Structures are given as C-alpha cells and as structure tokens.
Amino acid sequence: MRKEQDRWNHNTHYYDIALDAAPSTARTALDVGTGDGLLAVRLAEKIPEVTGIDSDAEIIARAQSSASGNITWITGDALTYDLPEAHYDLVAAVATVHHFPDLVVGLQRLADLTAPGGALVVIGCARSSTVHDYAFELAGIVQHQVLSRTRGFWQHNAPVQMRFPHTYTEAKQIATAVLPGMKWRRLPLWRYAFTWHKTR
C-alpha cells in the first residue's frame, strides 16, 4: 500500500494551500468533506485539535481505522451537524462545496464555523466558461500527464461527483459576495482556491 504522503491526485496536490493558510497560533481545525482523511492527518501534524467530518459513514470508518493523530471523526453533514460556531482556527473544504445544495448558504455556514482571526480555505471544482478557463484546462492536461507519470495517480475512496453547478466565474462572484475580502486563485488541474480571513 502506498504511504499517505505519497498518494497524489488533483486534490492532494493542493493540500499545502490549506496548510499554509492556518494561523501560526491555530489550535483547532475542521476538514469539511474529509473523505479518506489525508488532509486531516496532515493538519494534525501541526494543529493540536483536528476534526474531520463527512456524510459517508463507510469512508469515515475507513479513515478512522487507518489514520493516527489527535483527530475527531464525525459522520454527518457539515451544513446541519451541531458543530461549535466561531470555534475553528482553520476551516478547510477540498472538492466539497460543489456538493452543497446552495453555495451561498454553504459558504456562510463555513464562515460561521470559523473562529475570529481564523482562516477559511476552499479548494473547489467548477465548470469552464471563458477563454481564460480553457487555457487553465490545457495547462491542467499537461500537468496531469507529467505528474501522473512521475508520481502515479491515486484514486481516493470518496464518491466522485462530476456535475458542477457553477462556472468558475459564478463561484467567484458568490464567494466574493458572501466573503468580502477573500483571495481567489484559479488553478490548473481543474480547481480554484480561495482563502478568507475572519476579523477578530
């Protein structure tokens, strides 16, 4: 079996964005849609209290059985589960928010869970609709070919949903409206990322 740190795919490739956004004083972190729990494990290496939540009971059980570290595993919907508000110094959602029934409501919920002075990081998937988007897609194809040959492509166990309700432009507009001041990045490998810091 490949070691956790050696597992590469389009999501794990961008985990460092979430890790780097964590405040230096972070004590608590929430991994929303944790899936196999690989990000939660990496967060636990630098943050004392980490919670991974996913609605798939089977995938949570698998993550719990294979992971070490001080991680609390929760089977539930992050939008409705009784999580403490304004508690987490870092809230991360990787390839998760396109599953939300309403992106506005979902992003507001993640913001509510973020502690004052904390950071919210979303690495998301969307649909291309502009020349700029398609240029990133071409770059992503090249990057995928190179990295999958050199590192191997690991298919995670969590369910995959390839229907994306928003374009990149729409996702950015929604995030900007809900989270003023957020910093947006369009990424190759069919992803975008944004980071938002909650004022104290």
Protein backbone atom coordinates (compact mmCIF):
# COMPACT_ATOMS: atom_id res chain seq x y z
CA MET A 1 0.00 0.00 0.00
CA ARG A 2 1.28 3.48 -0.83
CA LYS A 3 2.15 5.68 2.11
CA GLU A 4 -0.27 8.52 2.76
CA GLN A 5 2.29 11.18 1.91
CA ASP A 6 2.95 9.51 -1.45
CA ARG A 7 -0.68 9.49 -2.59
CA TRP A 8 -1.09 12.02 -5.37
CA ASN A 9 -4.19 13.28 -7.14
CA HIS A 10 -5.74 16.59 -8.10
CA ASN A 11 -6.91 17.21 -4.51
CA THR A 12 -3.81 16.19 -2.54
CA HIS A 13 -1.75 18.33 -4.93
CA TYR A 14 -3.27 21.45 -3.38
CA TYR A 15 -3.35 20.47 0.30
CA ASP A 16 -0.45 22.82 1.02
CA ILE A 17 -2.71 25.78 0.26
CA ALA A 18 -4.86 24.83 3.25
CA LEU A 19 -1.89 24.00 5.45
CA ASP A 20 -0.16 27.28 4.68
CA ALA A 21 -3.30 29.29 5.48
CA ALA A 22 -3.51 28.03 9.05
CA PRO A 23 -2.67 30.77 11.56
CA SER A 24 0.61 30.13 13.37
CA THR A 25 -1.33 30.02 16.64
CA ALA A 26 -4.03 27.65 15.36
CA ARG A 27 -5.30 25.19 17.95
CA THR A 28 -8.37 23.83 16.14
CA ALA A 29 -9.10 22.81 12.55
CA LEU A 30 -12.09 21.40 10.68
CA ASP A 31 -11.75 19.35 7.49
CA VAL A 32 -15.13 19.51 5.74
CA GLY A 33 -15.83 16.54 3.47
CA THR A 34 -12.74 14.81 4.84
CA GLY A 35 -13.15 11.65 2.73
CA ASP A 36 -10.12 9.41 3.26
CA GLY A 37 -8.86 11.83 5.91
CA LEU A 38 -5.48 12.56 4.35
CA LEU A 39 -5.78 16.32 4.84
CA ALA A 40 -6.97 15.86 8.42
CA VAL A 41 -3.88 13.73 9.12
CA ARG A 42 -1.58 16.40 7.73
CA LEU A 43 -3.37 19.12 9.68
CA ALA A 44 -2.94 17.09 12.88
CA GLU A 45 0.82 17.24 12.41
CA LYS A 46 0.75 20.98 13.18
CA ILE A 47 -2.60 21.68 14.86
CA PRO A 48 -3.48 20.05 18.22
CA GLU A 49 -7.22 19.51 17.72
CA VAL A 50 -8.47 18.43 14.29
CA THR A 51 -11.99 17.34 13.32
CA GLY A 52 -12.79 15.55 10.08
CA ILE A 53 -16.44 15.43 9.04
CA ASP A 54 -18.05 13.57 6.15
CA SER A 55 -21.58 12.38 5.48
CA ASP A 56 -20.36 8.98 4.24
CA ALA A 57 -20.21 6.63 7.25
CA GLU A 58 -18.19 4.00 5.40
CA ILE A 59 -15.50 6.42 4.32
CA ILE A 60 -15.26 7.90 7.83
CA ALA A 61 -14.85 4.42 9.31
CA ARG A 62 -12.05 3.71 6.83
CA ALA A 63 -10.32 6.99 7.62
CA GLN A 64 -10.60 6.40 11.36
CA SER A 65 -9.18 2.89 11.13
CA SER A 66 -6.16 3.89 9.06
CA ALA A 67 -5.22 7.29 10.49
CA SER A 68 -3.26 8.21 13.56
CA GLY A 69 -3.04 11.50 15.39
CA ASN A 70 -5.38 13.54 17.54
CA ILE A 71 -8.34 13.61 15.15
CA THR A 72 -12.06 13.57 15.96
CA TRP A 73 -14.02 11.83 13.19
CA ILE A 74 -17.67 12.75 12.67
CA THR A 75 -20.22 11.16 10.36
CA GLY A 76 -22.59 13.95 9.43
CA ASP A 77 -23.45 16.87 7.18
CA ALA A 78 -21.28 19.88 7.99
CA LEU A 79 -24.17 22.17 6.99
CA THR A 80 -26.51 20.80 9.64
CA TYR A 81 -24.44 18.89 12.20
CA ASP A 82 -24.20 20.50 15.63
CA LEU A 83 -20.67 21.88 15.33
CA PRO A 84 -19.48 24.73 17.56
CA GLU A 85 -19.73 28.06 15.77
CA ALA A 86 -16.81 30.51 15.65
CA HIS A 87 -14.59 27.72 17.00
CA TYR A 88 -12.17 26.54 14.31
CA ASP A 89 -8.97 28.46 13.62
CA LEU A 90 -8.86 26.79 10.21
CA VAL A 91 -11.81 25.51 8.21
CA ALA A 92 -10.84 23.66 5.02
CA ALA A 93 -13.09 22.26 2.31
CA VAL A 94 -11.37 20.46 -0.57
CA ALA A 95 -13.50 19.37 -3.55
CA THR A 96 -16.55 19.63 -1.31
CA VAL A 97 -18.56 22.79 -1.88
CA HIS A 98 -19.90 21.72 -5.29
CA HIS A 99 -21.87 19.11 -3.32
CA PHE A 100 -23.68 21.83 -1.35
CA PRO A 101 -27.34 22.30 -2.36
CA ASP A 102 -26.90 26.08 -2.05
CA LEU A 103 -23.39 27.55 -2.32
CA VAL A 104 -24.38 30.83 -0.66
CA VAL A 105 -25.80 29.05 2.39
CA GLY A 106 -22.89 26.61 2.47
CA LEU A 107 -20.18 29.27 2.41
CA GLN A 108 -21.97 31.27 5.08
CA ARG A 109 -22.10 28.17 7.25
CA LEU A 110 -18.35 27.60 6.85
CA ALA A 111 -17.74 31.26 7.71
CA ASP A 112 -19.87 30.90 10.84
CA LEU A 113 -17.76 27.92 11.96
CA THR A 114 -14.51 29.87 11.52
CA ALA A 115 -13.11 31.46 14.67
CA PRO A 116 -12.34 35.18 14.79
CA GLY A 117 -8.81 35.57 13.48
CA GLY A 118 -9.09 32.22 11.73
CA ALA A 119 -8.99 31.24 8.08
CA LEU A 120 -11.42 29.54 5.72
CA VAL A 121 -9.88 27.77 2.72
CA VAL A 122 -11.92 26.34 -0.14
CA ILE A 123 -10.39 24.34 -2.97
CA GLY A 124 -13.24 23.79 -5.35
CA CYS A 125 -14.35 22.43 -8.70
CA ALA A 126 -16.42 24.29 -11.29
CA ARG A 127 -17.23 24.48 -14.99
CA SER A 128 -15.17 26.37 -17.55
CA SER A 129 -16.93 29.11 -19.50
CA THR A 130 -14.25 31.58 -20.63
CA VAL A 131 -11.10 31.54 -22.75
CA HIS A 132 -9.13 32.05 -19.55
CA ASP A 133 -10.72 28.92 -18.06
CA TYR A 134 -9.96 26.81 -21.10
CA ALA A 135 -6.34 27.94 -21.04
CA PHE A 136 -6.09 26.64 -17.49
CA GLU A 137 -7.69 23.38 -18.61
CA LEU A 138 -4.98 22.92 -21.25
CA ALA A 139 -2.31 23.62 -18.66
CA GLY A 140 -4.01 21.12 -16.36
CA ILE A 141 -3.94 18.41 -19.01
CA VAL A 142 -0.18 18.82 -19.43
CA GLN A 143 0.40 18.97 -15.68
CA HIS A 144 -1.74 15.88 -15.12
CA GLN A 145 0.14 13.89 -17.74
CA VAL A 146 3.53 14.79 -16.28
CA LEU A 147 2.65 14.30 -12.62
CA SER A 148 0.60 11.14 -13.08
CA ARG A 149 3.57 9.57 -14.87
CA THR A 150 6.14 10.70 -12.30
CA ARG A 151 4.11 10.28 -9.13
CA GLY A 152 1.30 7.91 -10.09
CA PHE A 153 -2.37 8.79 -9.81
CA TRP A 154 -4.15 7.67 -6.64
CA GLN A 155 -7.94 7.39 -6.84
CA HIS A 156 -9.49 8.26 -3.50
CA ASN A 157 -12.31 6.20 -2.00
CA ALA A 158 -14.84 9.01 -1.54
CA PRO A 159 -17.70 9.28 -4.03
CA VAL A 160 -16.95 11.45 -7.07
CA GLN A 161 -19.48 13.95 -8.43
CA MET A 162 -18.52 15.36 -11.81
CA ARG A 163 -21.58 17.60 -12.22
CA PHE A 164 -20.58 21.10 -11.20
CA PRO A 165 -23.49 23.51 -10.65
CA HIS A 166 -21.45 26.70 -11.12
CA THR A 167 -18.92 28.09 -13.55
CA TYR A 168 -15.66 29.44 -12.18
CA THR A 169 -16.97 32.95 -12.76
CA GLU A 170 -20.18 32.23 -10.84
CA ALA A 171 -18.33 30.56 -7.97
CA LYS A 172 -16.02 33.58 -7.66
CA GLN A 173 -18.95 36.01 -7.73
CA ILE A 174 -20.76 34.08 -5.00
CA ALA A 175 -17.67 33.77 -2.81
CA THR A 176 -16.94 37.49 -3.21
CA ALA A 177 -20.48 38.39 -2.15
CA VAL A 178 -20.57 36.06 0.87
CA LEU A 179 -16.97 36.53 2.00
CA PRO A 180 -15.78 40.09 1.32
CA GLY A 181 -12.01 40.30 1.13
CA MET A 182 -11.46 36.68 0.15
CA LYS A 183 -8.40 35.97 -2.03
CA TRP A 184 -9.18 33.94 -5.18
CA ARG A 185 -6.86 31.82 -7.32
CA ARG A 186 -7.68 29.89 -10.49
CA LEU A 187 -5.59 26.72 -10.57
CA PRO A 188 -4.63 24.10 -13.14
CA LEU A 189 -5.82 20.54 -12.51
CA TRP A 190 -9.43 21.75 -12.74
CA ARG A 191 -9.56 23.58 -9.43
CA TYR A 192 -9.89 27.02 -7.90
CA ALA A 193 -8.91 28.12 -4.43
CA PHE A 194 -9.80 30.97 -2.17
CA THR A 195 -8.78 31.97 1.32
CA TRP A 196 -10.78 34.19 3.63
CA HIS A 197 -9.67 35.54 7.00
CA LYS A 198 -12.27 36.29 9.64
CA THR A 199 -11.73 39.53 11.50
CA ARG A 200 -11.36 39.44 15.26
